[in-house]
Amino acid sequence: MRSSRRSPPGPPAVRAGRTPLTGGAARPFSRTRGEEEVTFEWLAEQLRTFVDLNPDFEVPVERLATWLARLDDEDEE
């Protein structure tokens, strides 16, 4: 069962006039790296490095990591 939480009117990037990562932006990533297999440990390290280099993105990266960690929990409800 999916959560009934309401989303804000739009992500901050949209409200600020910037383009957020969308399905369209994710496609090139999938095409260039889609055949690779990575561990969650590797992904977590890349996210930490990204946040170290881009501290303004700490909150969105934390939200993404939390969402990824809870994907199975939503399926069990």
N, C-alpha and C. Protein backbone atom coordinates (compact mmCIF):
# COMPACT_ATOMS: atom_id res chain seq x y z
N MET A 1 0.85 -1.18 0.00
CA MET A 1 0.00 0.00 0.00
C MET A 1 0.89 1.24 0.00
N ARG A 2 0.58 2.18 -0.82
CA ARG A 2 1.35 3.42 -0.93
C ARG A 2 0.96 4.40 0.16
N SER A 3 1.91 5.20 0.54
CA SER A 3 1.67 6.23 1.55
C SER A 3 0.78 7.31 0.95
N SER A 4 -0.03 7.92 1.78
CA SER A 4 -0.93 8.97 1.30
C SER A 4 -0.36 10.37 1.59
N ARG A 5 0.95 10.46 1.83
CA ARG A 5 1.57 11.76 2.09
C ARG A 5 1.43 12.66 0.87
N ARG A 6 1.14 13.93 1.10
CA ARG A 6 1.02 14.89 0.01
C ARG A 6 2.37 15.50 -0.28
N SER A 7 2.66 15.70 -1.54
CA SER A 7 3.89 16.33 -1.96
C SER A 7 3.70 17.84 -1.99
N PRO A 8 4.78 18.59 -1.81
CA PRO A 8 4.67 20.04 -1.95
C PRO A 8 4.33 20.37 -3.40
N PRO A 9 3.93 21.61 -3.69
CA PRO A 9 3.50 21.97 -5.03
C PRO A 9 4.53 21.69 -6.12
N GLY A 10 5.74 21.59 -5.80
CA GLY A 10 6.79 21.27 -6.76
C GLY A 10 8.10 21.26 -6.05
N PRO A 11 9.05 20.47 -6.55
CA PRO A 11 10.35 20.44 -5.89
C PRO A 11 11.01 21.81 -5.93
N PRO A 12 11.86 22.11 -4.96
CA PRO A 12 12.51 23.42 -4.93
C PRO A 12 13.18 23.78 -6.24
N ALA A 13 13.76 22.79 -6.93
CA ALA A 13 14.44 23.08 -8.19
C ALA A 13 13.45 23.63 -9.22
N VAL A 14 12.25 23.09 -9.25
CA VAL A 14 11.24 23.56 -10.19
C VAL A 14 10.80 24.96 -9.82
N ARG A 15 10.54 25.17 -8.54
CA ARG A 15 10.11 26.50 -8.09
C ARG A 15 11.18 27.55 -8.34
N ALA A 16 12.45 27.15 -8.29
CA ALA A 16 13.54 28.10 -8.50
C ALA A 16 13.88 28.27 -9.98
N GLY A 17 13.16 27.57 -10.87
CA GLY A 17 13.39 27.72 -12.29
C GLY A 17 14.45 26.79 -12.84
N ARG A 18 14.97 25.88 -12.03
CA ARG A 18 15.96 24.91 -12.51
C ARG A 18 15.26 23.63 -12.89
N THR A 19 15.88 22.83 -13.74
CA THR A 19 15.29 21.57 -14.18
C THR A 19 15.72 20.45 -13.22
N PRO A 20 14.77 19.77 -12.59
CA PRO A 20 15.13 18.66 -11.71
C PRO A 20 15.44 17.41 -12.54
N LEU A 21 16.05 16.41 -11.90
CA LEU A 21 16.28 15.13 -12.55
C LEU A 21 14.92 14.49 -12.78
N THR A 22 14.62 14.24 -14.03
CA THR A 22 13.34 13.64 -14.39
C THR A 22 13.61 12.35 -15.14
N GLY A 23 12.55 11.68 -15.55
CA GLY A 23 12.71 10.48 -16.36
C GLY A 23 13.56 10.77 -17.58
N GLY A 24 13.35 11.95 -18.18
CA GLY A 24 14.13 12.34 -19.35
C GLY A 24 15.60 12.50 -19.02
N ALA A 25 15.91 13.08 -17.89
CA ALA A 25 17.30 13.27 -17.49
C ALA A 25 17.93 11.97 -17.02
N ALA A 26 17.13 11.05 -16.54
CA ALA A 26 17.66 9.78 -16.05
C ALA A 26 17.99 8.83 -17.20
N ARG A 27 17.36 9.01 -18.36
CA ARG A 27 17.60 8.10 -19.48
C ARG A 27 19.06 8.07 -19.93
N PRO A 28 19.72 9.22 -20.11
CA PRO A 28 21.14 9.15 -20.50
C PRO A 28 21.99 8.40 -19.47
N PHE A 29 21.68 8.59 -18.20
CA PHE A 29 22.39 7.88 -17.15
C PHE A 29 22.19 6.38 -17.31
N SER A 30 20.96 5.99 -17.56
CA SER A 30 20.64 4.57 -17.74
C SER A 30 21.35 4.02 -18.97
N ARG A 31 21.40 4.80 -20.04
CA ARG A 31 22.05 4.32 -21.27
C ARG A 31 23.55 4.18 -21.08
N THR A 32 24.17 5.11 -20.36
CA THR A 32 25.62 5.06 -20.24
C THR A 32 26.11 4.15 -19.13
N ARG A 33 25.30 3.95 -18.09
CA ARG A 33 25.74 3.15 -16.94
C ARG A 33 24.80 2.00 -16.63
N GLY A 34 23.77 1.81 -17.44
CA GLY A 34 22.71 0.86 -17.15
C GLY A 34 23.13 -0.59 -17.06
N GLU A 35 24.22 -0.96 -17.71
CA GLU A 35 24.67 -2.35 -17.68
C GLU A 35 25.55 -2.66 -16.46
N GLU A 36 25.98 -1.64 -15.75
CA GLU A 36 26.86 -1.83 -14.60
C GLU A 36 26.08 -2.31 -13.39
N GLU A 37 26.74 -3.09 -12.57
CA GLU A 37 26.16 -3.49 -11.29
C GLU A 37 26.99 -2.85 -10.20
N VAL A 38 26.32 -2.27 -9.22
CA VAL A 38 27.01 -1.63 -8.11
C VAL A 38 26.39 -2.11 -6.81
N THR A 39 27.12 -1.94 -5.75
CA THR A 39 26.60 -2.28 -4.42
C THR A 39 26.00 -1.03 -3.80
N PHE A 40 25.15 -1.25 -2.81
CA PHE A 40 24.61 -0.11 -2.08
C PHE A 40 25.72 0.60 -1.32
N GLU A 41 26.72 -0.13 -0.90
CA GLU A 41 27.86 0.49 -0.22
C GLU A 41 28.55 1.47 -1.16
N TRP A 42 28.76 1.08 -2.42
CA TRP A 42 29.37 1.96 -3.40
C TRP A 42 28.49 3.19 -3.64
N LEU A 43 27.19 2.96 -3.80
CA LEU A 43 26.26 4.07 -4.03
C LEU A 43 26.29 5.05 -2.85
N ALA A 44 26.27 4.51 -1.63
CA ALA A 44 26.31 5.37 -0.44
C ALA A 44 27.58 6.21 -0.42
N GLU A 45 28.71 5.61 -0.79
CA GLU A 45 29.98 6.35 -0.82
C GLU A 45 29.93 7.46 -1.87
N GLN A 46 29.35 7.18 -3.04
CA GLN A 46 29.22 8.21 -4.07
C GLN A 46 28.32 9.34 -3.62
N LEU A 47 27.24 9.02 -2.92
CA LEU A 47 26.34 10.05 -2.41
C LEU A 47 27.05 10.91 -1.36
N ARG A 48 27.84 10.27 -0.49
CA ARG A 48 28.59 11.04 0.52
C ARG A 48 29.59 11.98 -0.16
N THR A 49 30.29 11.47 -1.17
CA THR A 49 31.25 12.30 -1.90
C THR A 49 30.55 13.47 -2.59
N PHE A 50 29.41 13.18 -3.22
CA PHE A 50 28.65 14.24 -3.89
C PHE A 50 28.24 15.32 -2.89
N VAL A 51 27.75 14.92 -1.73
CA VAL A 51 27.32 15.90 -0.73
C VAL A 51 28.52 16.67 -0.19
N ASP A 52 29.65 16.01 -0.03
CA ASP A 52 30.86 16.73 0.41
C ASP A 52 31.22 17.83 -0.58
N LEU A 53 31.07 17.53 -1.87
CA LEU A 53 31.41 18.50 -2.91
C LEU A 53 30.30 19.51 -3.16
N ASN A 54 29.07 19.14 -2.81
CA ASN A 54 27.89 19.97 -3.08
C ASN A 54 26.99 20.02 -1.84
N PRO A 55 27.43 20.69 -0.77
CA PRO A 55 26.68 20.67 0.49
C PRO A 55 25.24 21.18 0.39
N ASP A 56 24.95 21.99 -0.61
CA ASP A 56 23.57 22.47 -0.76
C ASP A 56 22.60 21.34 -1.08
N PHE A 57 23.11 20.21 -1.52
CA PHE A 57 22.27 19.08 -1.90
C PHE A 57 22.14 18.03 -0.78
N GLU A 58 22.62 18.34 0.41
CA GLU A 58 22.57 17.37 1.50
C GLU A 58 21.15 16.90 1.80
N VAL A 59 20.21 17.83 1.90
CA VAL A 59 18.83 17.45 2.23
C VAL A 59 18.20 16.59 1.13
N PRO A 60 18.27 17.00 -0.15
CA PRO A 60 17.68 16.14 -1.18
C PRO A 60 18.33 14.75 -1.26
N VAL A 61 19.65 14.69 -1.09
CA VAL A 61 20.32 13.39 -1.13
C VAL A 61 19.89 12.54 0.05
N GLU A 62 19.75 13.15 1.21
CA GLU A 62 19.27 12.42 2.39
C GLU A 62 17.85 11.89 2.16
N ARG A 63 17.00 12.70 1.55
CA ARG A 63 15.64 12.26 1.24
C ARG A 63 15.65 11.10 0.27
N LEU A 64 16.50 11.17 -0.76
CA LEU A 64 16.60 10.08 -1.73
C LEU A 64 17.09 8.81 -1.05
N ALA A 65 18.12 8.92 -0.23
CA ALA A 65 18.65 7.74 0.46
C ALA A 65 17.61 7.13 1.39
N THR A 66 16.86 7.96 2.09
CA THR A 66 15.81 7.47 2.97
C THR A 66 14.72 6.78 2.17
N TRP A 67 14.33 7.38 1.06
CA TRP A 67 13.30 6.79 0.19
C TRP A 67 13.76 5.44 -0.33
N LEU A 68 15.01 5.36 -0.80
CA LEU A 68 15.53 4.09 -1.30
C LEU A 68 15.57 3.03 -0.20
N ALA A 69 15.94 3.44 1.00
CA ALA A 69 16.03 2.49 2.12
C ALA A 69 14.66 1.96 2.52
N ARG A 70 13.61 2.73 2.27
CA ARG A 70 12.27 2.34 2.72
C ARG A 70 11.42 1.71 1.62
N LEU A 71 11.95 1.51 0.42
CA LEU A 71 11.14 0.97 -0.68
C LEU A 71 10.49 -0.35 -0.31
N ASP A 72 11.22 -1.27 0.28
CA ASP A 72 10.65 -2.56 0.66
C ASP A 72 9.62 -2.41 1.75
N ASP A 73 9.80 -1.44 2.66
CA ASP A 73 8.84 -1.22 3.75
C ASP A 73 7.46 -0.85 3.20
N GLU A 74 7.41 -0.03 2.13
CA GLU A 74 6.14 0.37 1.54
C GLU A 74 5.43 -0.82 0.92
N ASP A 75 6.19 -1.76 0.33
CA ASP A 75 5.59 -2.94 -0.28
C ASP A 75 4.98 -3.88 0.76
N GLU A 76 5.51 -3.88 1.98
CA GLU A 76 5.06 -4.76 3.03
C GLU A 76 3.79 -4.27 3.72
N GLU A 77 3.49 -2.97 3.59
CA GLU A 77 2.33 -2.39 4.28
C GLU A 77 1.03 -2.81 3.64
